[in-house]
């Protein structure tokens, strides 16, 4: 994701209104950093670890997971499936998340979870529809894959707490917008909704 594209997005959002302009001036340039070297399987496993947790807690869980497989960057789906459930629970994964991880690993081996090249060729909504069929994988999880692995620049996770609360504070609203309202509001930010989300997370 090149700096020129991020700069153009920031300029576009700054021109929306005075609130956006002031916030973007205060935050500075967008420093959104994708991780395109990760395949969808790894991205989904990492996103599950982050679900409903503070970032530090999720990073600690992932650190313990990776420690189970010394000498490699990330466990393969087969390795994850072969690991004793007790060992994964000891990392900090709940029983529900453990079921989801096994489902993702099995779906990767069966081909339901696409490889990087296939995922890159898929439309956003088609990929979301395909992956939310997996137990425990919701739209937000796939949106994180789209944003951080596939480098899509027009994704707005409308039911993300940070996005909704960020917009509430940006606009001085009494209540957070609903996911439906957030989706409608964000239409005006297209095709730069990923960068809009990045700035809202920083309100």
C-alpha atoms as a PDB file:
ATOM      1  CA  UNK A   1       0.000   0.000   0.000  1.00  0.00           C
ATOM      2  CA  UNK A   2       1.839   3.076  -1.184  1.00  0.00           C
ATOM      3  CA  UNK A   3       2.158   6.393   0.602  1.00  0.00           C
ATOM      4  CA  UNK A   4       0.630   8.317  -2.325  1.00  0.00           C
ATOM      5  CA  UNK A   5      -2.633   6.373  -2.057  1.00  0.00           C
ATOM      6  CA  UNK A   6      -2.786   6.992   1.693  1.00  0.00           C
ATOM      7  CA  UNK A   7      -2.055  10.694   1.176  1.00  0.00           C
ATOM      8  CA  UNK A   8      -4.820  11.006  -1.441  1.00  0.00           C
ATOM      9  CA  UNK A   9      -7.237   9.296   0.944  1.00  0.00           C
ATOM     10  CA  UNK A  10      -6.291  11.649   3.779  1.00  0.00           C
ATOM     11  CA  UNK A  11      -6.837  14.678   1.538  1.00  0.00           C
ATOM     12  CA  UNK A  12     -10.214  13.337   0.422  1.00  0.00           C
ATOM     13  CA  UNK A  13     -11.360  12.827   4.017  1.00  0.00           C
ATOM     14  CA  UNK A  14     -10.022  16.214   5.139  1.00  0.00           C
ATOM     15  CA  UNK A  15     -12.213  17.850   2.512  1.00  0.00           C
ATOM     16  CA  UNK A  16     -15.385  16.256   3.920  1.00  0.00           C
ATOM     17  CA  UNK A  17     -15.920  18.812   6.686  1.00  0.00           C
ATOM     18  CA  UNK A  18     -14.183  20.807   9.428  1.00  0.00           C
ATOM     19  CA  UNK A  19     -14.346  17.953  11.977  1.00  0.00           C
ATOM     20  CA  UNK A  20     -12.508  15.553   9.693  1.00  0.00           C
ATOM     21  CA  UNK A  21     -10.020  18.238   8.652  1.00  0.00           C
ATOM     22  CA  UNK A  22      -9.157  19.128  12.265  1.00  0.00           C
ATOM     23  CA  UNK A  23      -8.837  15.510  13.358  1.00  0.00           C
ATOM     24  CA  UNK A  24      -6.610  14.526  10.438  1.00  0.00           C
ATOM     25  CA  UNK A  25      -4.428  17.596  10.979  1.00  0.00           C
ATOM     26  CA  UNK A  26      -4.080  16.610  14.636  1.00  0.00           C
ATOM     27  CA  UNK A  27      -3.245  12.937  13.929  1.00  0.00           C
ATOM     28  CA  UNK A  28      -1.023  13.566  10.933  1.00  0.00           C
ATOM     29  CA  UNK A  29      -0.339  11.306   7.939  1.00  0.00           C
ATOM     30  CA  UNK A  30      -2.052   7.918   7.768  1.00  0.00           C
ATOM     31  CA  UNK A  31       0.421   5.235   8.819  1.00  0.00           C
ATOM     32  CA  UNK A  32      -1.799   2.246   8.057  1.00  0.00           C
ATOM     33  CA  UNK A  33       0.455  -0.793   7.696  1.00  0.00           C
ATOM     34  CA  UNK A  34      -0.851  -3.929   6.035  1.00  0.00           C
ATOM     35  CA  UNK A  35       0.721  -7.383   6.357  1.00  0.00           C
ATOM     36  CA  UNK A  36       0.483  -8.734   2.797  1.00  0.00           C
ATOM     37  CA  UNK A  37       2.999 -11.509   3.471  1.00  0.00           C
ATOM     38  CA  UNK A  38       0.406 -13.389   5.536  1.00  0.00           C
ATOM     39  CA  UNK A  39      -1.899 -15.858   3.849  1.00  0.00           C
ATOM     40  CA  UNK A  40      -5.646 -15.825   4.638  1.00  0.00           C
ATOM     41  CA  UNK A  41      -5.349 -18.798   7.009  1.00  0.00           C
ATOM     42  CA  UNK A  42      -2.788 -17.049   9.213  1.00  0.00           C
ATOM     43  CA  UNK A  43      -4.675 -13.749   9.030  1.00  0.00           C
ATOM     44  CA  UNK A  44      -7.902 -15.422  10.165  1.00  0.00           C
ATOM     45  CA  UNK A  45      -6.217 -17.234  13.063  1.00  0.00           C
ATOM     46  CA  UNK A  46      -4.661 -13.965  14.217  1.00  0.00           C
ATOM     47  CA  UNK A  47      -7.973 -12.119  13.878  1.00  0.00           C
ATOM     48  CA  UNK A  48      -9.723 -14.743  16.010  1.00  0.00           C
ATOM     49  CA  UNK A  49      -7.129 -14.198  18.739  1.00  0.00           C
ATOM     50  CA  UNK A  50      -7.958 -10.479  18.694  1.00  0.00           C
ATOM     51  CA  UNK A  51     -11.741 -10.913  18.807  1.00  0.00           C
ATOM     52  CA  UNK A  52     -13.215  -9.116  21.841  1.00  0.00           C
ATOM     53  CA  UNK A  53      -9.814  -8.697  23.493  1.00  0.00           C
ATOM     54  CA  UNK A  54      -7.431  -5.837  24.181  1.00  0.00           C
ATOM     55  CA  UNK A  55      -4.503  -5.877  21.750  1.00  0.00           C
ATOM     56  CA  UNK A  56      -1.943  -6.679  24.463  1.00  0.00           C
ATOM     57  CA  UNK A  57      -3.923  -9.691  25.661  1.00  0.00           C
ATOM     58  CA  UNK A  58      -4.295 -10.982  22.104  1.00  0.00           C
ATOM     59  CA  UNK A  59      -0.587 -10.517  21.408  1.00  0.00           C
ATOM     60  CA  UNK A  60       0.269 -12.481  24.561  1.00  0.00           C
ATOM     61  CA  UNK A  61      -1.990 -15.348  23.459  1.00  0.00           C
ATOM     62  CA  UNK A  62      -0.432 -15.372  19.989  1.00  0.00           C
ATOM     63  CA  UNK A  63       3.035 -15.318  21.530  1.00  0.00           C
ATOM     64  CA  UNK A  64       2.230 -18.426  23.551  1.00  0.00           C
ATOM     65  CA  UNK A  65       0.758 -20.093  20.463  1.00  0.00           C
ATOM     66  CA  UNK A  66       3.876 -19.446  18.375  1.00  0.00           C
ATOM     67  CA  UNK A  67       6.076 -20.725  21.204  1.00  0.00           C
ATOM     68  CA  UNK A  68       4.496 -24.158  20.700  1.00  0.00           C
ATOM     69  CA  UNK A  69       6.140 -24.351  17.265  1.00  0.00           C
ATOM     70  CA  UNK A  70       9.782 -23.287  17.635  1.00  0.00           C
ATOM     71  CA  UNK A  71      11.802 -22.722  14.525  1.00  0.00           C
ATOM     72  CA  UNK A  72       8.950 -21.593  12.275  1.00  0.00           C
ATOM     73  CA  UNK A  73       7.053 -18.397  11.698  1.00  0.00           C
ATOM     74  CA  UNK A  74       3.546 -19.830  12.046  1.00  0.00           C
ATOM     75  CA  UNK A  75       2.010 -23.303  12.465  1.00  0.00           C
ATOM     76  CA  UNK A  76       0.514 -24.968   9.406  1.00  0.00           C
ATOM     77  CA  UNK A  77      -3.166 -25.967   9.417  1.00  0.00           C
ATOM     78  CA  UNK A  78      -2.147 -29.608   9.862  1.00  0.00           C
ATOM     79  CA  UNK A  79       0.039 -28.750  12.854  1.00  0.00           C
ATOM     80  CA  UNK A  80      -2.732 -26.733  14.464  1.00  0.00           C
ATOM     81  CA  UNK A  81      -5.180 -29.620  14.032  1.00  0.00           C
ATOM     82  CA  UNK A  82      -2.649 -32.063  15.504  1.00  0.00           C
ATOM     83  CA  UNK A  83      -1.961 -29.945  18.592  1.00  0.00           C
ATOM     84  CA  UNK A  84      -3.615 -31.120  21.801  1.00  0.00           C
ATOM     85  CA  UNK A  85      -6.627 -28.948  22.682  1.00  0.00           C
ATOM     86  CA  UNK A  86      -5.258 -28.595  26.210  1.00  0.00           C
ATOM     87  CA  UNK A  87      -2.081 -26.983  24.854  1.00  0.00           C
ATOM     88  CA  UNK A  88      -4.098 -24.462  22.836  1.00  0.00           C
ATOM     89  CA  UNK A  89      -6.393 -23.718  25.769  1.00  0.00           C
ATOM     90  CA  UNK A  90      -3.263 -23.061  27.860  1.00  0.00           C
ATOM     91  CA  UNK A  91      -2.302 -20.344  25.371  1.00  0.00           C
ATOM     92  CA  UNK A  92      -5.448 -18.487  26.392  1.00  0.00           C
ATOM     93  CA  UNK A  93      -7.958 -19.467  23.713  1.00  0.00           C
ATOM     94  CA  UNK A  94     -11.500 -20.024  24.943  1.00  0.00           C
ATOM     95  CA  UNK A  95     -13.321 -23.238  24.065  1.00  0.00           C
ATOM     96  CA  UNK A  96     -15.347 -21.359  21.454  1.00  0.00           C
ATOM     97  CA  UNK A  97     -12.276 -19.799  19.850  1.00  0.00           C
ATOM     98  CA  UNK A  98     -10.563 -23.182  19.843  1.00  0.00           C
ATOM     99  CA  UNK A  99     -13.449 -24.656  17.850  1.00  0.00           C
ATOM    100  CA  UNK A 100     -13.175 -21.747  15.430  1.00  0.00           C
ATOM    101  CA  UNK A 101      -9.416 -22.236  14.998  1.00  0.00           C
ATOM    102  CA  UNK A 102      -9.916 -25.916  14.222  1.00  0.00           C
ATOM    103  CA  UNK A 103     -12.640 -25.011  11.738  1.00  0.00           C
ATOM    104  CA  UNK A 104     -10.374 -22.514   9.976  1.00  0.00           C
ATOM    105  CA  UNK A 105      -7.503 -25.006   9.797  1.00  0.00           C
ATOM    106  CA  UNK A 106      -9.750 -27.776   8.439  1.00  0.00           C
ATOM    107  CA  UNK A 107     -11.358 -25.402   5.937  1.00  0.00           C
ATOM    108  CA  UNK A 108      -7.911 -24.327   4.740  1.00  0.00           C
ATOM    109  CA  UNK A 109      -6.946 -27.939   4.122  1.00  0.00           C
ATOM    110  CA  UNK A 110     -10.224 -28.556   2.236  1.00  0.00           C
ATOM    111  CA  UNK A 111      -9.769 -25.421   0.103  1.00  0.00           C
ATOM    112  CA  UNK A 112     -12.718 -23.457   1.489  1.00  0.00           C
ATOM    113  CA  UNK A 113     -10.305 -20.895   2.940  1.00  0.00           C
ATOM    114  CA  UNK A 114      -8.514 -19.695  -0.193  1.00  0.00           C
ATOM    115  CA  UNK A 115      -4.810 -19.172  -0.631  1.00  0.00           C
ATOM    116  CA  UNK A 116      -3.406 -15.680  -1.052  1.00  0.00           C
ATOM    117  CA  UNK A 117      -3.597 -15.540  -4.857  1.00  0.00           C
ATOM    118  CA  UNK A 118      -7.171 -16.809  -4.995  1.00  0.00           C
ATOM    119  CA  UNK A 119      -8.276 -14.419  -2.236  1.00  0.00           C
ATOM    120  CA  UNK A 120      -6.659 -11.480  -4.036  1.00  0.00           C
ATOM    121  CA  UNK A 121      -8.720 -12.276  -7.126  1.00  0.00           C
ATOM    122  CA  UNK A 122     -12.014 -12.401  -5.209  1.00  0.00           C
ATOM    123  CA  UNK A 123     -14.510  -9.599  -4.754  1.00  0.00           C
ATOM    124  CA  UNK A 124     -14.836  -8.248  -1.191  1.00  0.00           C
ATOM    125  CA  UNK A 125     -18.411  -9.389  -0.656  1.00  0.00           C
ATOM    126  CA  UNK A 126     -17.820 -12.777  -2.291  1.00  0.00           C
ATOM    127  CA  UNK A 127     -14.938 -13.484   0.077  1.00  0.00           C
ATOM    128  CA  UNK A 128     -16.949 -12.313   3.077  1.00  0.00           C
ATOM    129  CA  UNK A 129     -19.899 -14.546   2.108  1.00  0.00           C
ATOM    130  CA  UNK A 130     -17.597 -17.532   1.678  1.00  0.00           C
ATOM    131  CA  UNK A 131     -15.750 -17.189   4.976  1.00  0.00           C
ATOM    132  CA  UNK A 132     -18.611 -16.232   7.289  1.00  0.00           C
ATOM    133  CA  UNK A 133     -19.970 -19.715   6.620  1.00  0.00           C
ATOM    134  CA  UNK A 134     -17.284 -20.897   9.069  1.00  0.00           C
ATOM    135  CA  UNK A 135     -18.379 -21.197  12.677  1.00  0.00           C
ATOM    136  CA  UNK A 136     -17.126 -18.288  14.754  1.00  0.00           C
ATOM    137  CA  UNK A 137     -16.015 -16.239  11.739  1.00  0.00           C
ATOM    138  CA  UNK A 138     -18.061 -13.074  11.391  1.00  0.00           C
ATOM    139  CA  UNK A 139     -17.971 -10.195   8.979  1.00  0.00           C
ATOM    140  CA  UNK A 140     -15.536  -8.186  11.174  1.00  0.00           C
ATOM    141  CA  UNK A 141     -13.004 -11.032  11.102  1.00  0.00           C
ATOM    142  CA  UNK A 142     -13.058 -11.183   7.303  1.00  0.00           C
ATOM    143  CA  UNK A 143     -12.881  -7.392   7.087  1.00  0.00           C
ATOM    144  CA  UNK A 144      -9.637  -7.491   9.083  1.00  0.00           C
ATOM    145  CA  UNK A 145      -8.312  -9.968   6.510  1.00  0.00           C
ATOM    146  CA  UNK A 146      -9.361  -7.647   3.693  1.00  0.00           C
ATOM    147  CA  UNK A 147      -7.757  -4.616   5.327  1.00  0.00           C
ATOM    148  CA  UNK A 148      -4.525  -6.038   6.685  1.00  0.00           C
ATOM    149  CA  UNK A 149      -3.675  -8.939   4.367  1.00  0.00           C
ATOM    150  CA  UNK A 150      -5.317  -8.144   1.033  1.00  0.00           C
ATOM    151  CA  UNK A 151      -4.678  -4.367   1.302  1.00  0.00           C
ATOM    152  CA  UNK A 152      -8.188  -3.338   0.295  1.00  0.00           C
ATOM    153  CA  UNK A 153      -8.587   0.418   0.678  1.00  0.00           C
ATOM    154  CA  UNK A 154     -12.379   0.672   0.779  1.00  0.00           C
ATOM    155  CA  UNK A 155     -13.384  -1.438   3.794  1.00  0.00           C
ATOM    156  CA  UNK A 156     -15.302   0.035   6.734  1.00  0.00           C
ATOM    157  CA  UNK A 157     -15.935  -2.378   9.634  1.00  0.00           C
ATOM    158  CA  UNK A 158     -19.290  -0.821  10.516  1.00  0.00           C
ATOM    159  CA  UNK A 159     -19.875  -2.811  13.702  1.00  0.00           C
ATOM    160  CA  UNK A 160     -16.380  -2.209  15.105  1.00  0.00           C
ATOM    161  CA  UNK A 161     -16.591  -0.501  18.518  1.00  0.00           C
ATOM    162  CA  UNK A 162     -13.598   1.744  17.824  1.00  0.00           C
ATOM    163  CA  UNK A 163     -15.003   2.932  14.499  1.00  0.00           C
ATOM    164  CA  UNK A 164     -18.469   3.687  15.906  1.00  0.00           C
ATOM    165  CA  UNK A 165     -17.188   5.293  19.109  1.00  0.00           C
ATOM    166  CA  UNK A 166     -14.588   7.219  17.144  1.00  0.00           C
ATOM    167  CA  UNK A 167     -17.280   8.682  14.906  1.00  0.00           C
ATOM    168  CA  UNK A 168     -19.457   9.514  17.922  1.00  0.00           C
ATOM    169  CA  UNK A 169     -16.607  11.480  19.486  1.00  0.00           C
ATOM    170  CA  UNK A 170     -15.558  13.069  16.193  1.00  0.00           C
ATOM    171  CA  UNK A 171     -19.048  14.467  15.765  1.00  0.00           C
ATOM    172  CA  UNK A 172     -19.892  15.026  19.437  1.00  0.00           C
ATOM    173  CA  UNK A 173     -22.923  12.736  19.291  1.00  0.00           C
ATOM    174  CA  UNK A 174     -24.845  11.585  22.353  1.00  0.00           C
ATOM    175  CA  UNK A 175     -24.940   7.954  21.180  1.00  0.00           C
ATOM    176  CA  UNK A 176     -22.865   5.737  18.951  1.00  0.00           C
ATOM    177  CA  UNK A 177     -24.337   5.081  15.501  1.00  0.00           C
ATOM    178  CA  UNK A 178     -25.573   1.565  14.846  1.00  0.00           C
ATOM    179  CA  UNK A 179     -23.757  -0.646  12.335  1.00  0.00           C
ATOM    180  CA  UNK A 180     -26.494   0.080   9.785  1.00  0.00           C
ATOM    181  CA  UNK A 181     -26.173   3.824  10.338  1.00  0.00           C
ATOM    182  CA  UNK A 182     -22.388   3.585  10.184  1.00  0.00           C
ATOM    183  CA  UNK A 183     -22.542   1.762   6.854  1.00  0.00           C
ATOM    184  CA  UNK A 184     -24.836   4.430   5.444  1.00  0.00           C
ATOM    185  CA  UNK A 185     -22.665   7.292   6.701  1.00  0.00           C
ATOM    186  CA  UNK A 186     -19.541   5.672   5.289  1.00  0.00           C
ATOM    187  CA  UNK A 187     -20.882   5.621   1.739  1.00  0.00           C
ATOM    188  CA  UNK A 188     -19.688   9.226   1.469  1.00  0.00           C
ATOM    189  CA  UNK A 189     -16.154   8.132   2.358  1.00  0.00           C
ATOM    190  CA  UNK A 190     -15.790   5.635  -0.481  1.00  0.00           C
ATOM    191  CA  UNK A 191     -13.378   4.682  -2.026  1.00  0.00           C
ATOM    192  CA  UNK A 192     -11.245   5.491   1.038  1.00  0.00           C
ATOM    193  CA  UNK A 193     -13.169   3.778   3.850  1.00  0.00           C
ATOM    194  CA  UNK A 194     -10.170   1.817   5.143  1.00  0.00           C
ATOM    195  CA  UNK A 195      -8.273   5.029   5.801  1.00  0.00           C
ATOM    196  CA  UNK A 196     -11.396   6.548   7.367  1.00  0.00           C
ATOM    197  CA  UNK A 197     -11.503   3.593   9.767  1.00  0.00           C
ATOM    198  CA  UNK A 198      -7.805   4.088  10.575  1.00  0.00           C
ATOM    199  CA  UNK A 199      -8.455   7.712  11.534  1.00  0.00           C
ATOM    200  CA  UNK A 200     -11.601   6.885  13.512  1.00  0.00           C
ATOM    201  CA  UNK A 201      -9.632   4.314  15.531  1.00  0.00           C
ATOM    202  CA  UNK A 202      -7.399   7.224  16.569  1.00  0.00           C
ATOM    203  CA  UNK A 203     -10.098   9.580  17.804  1.00  0.00           C
END
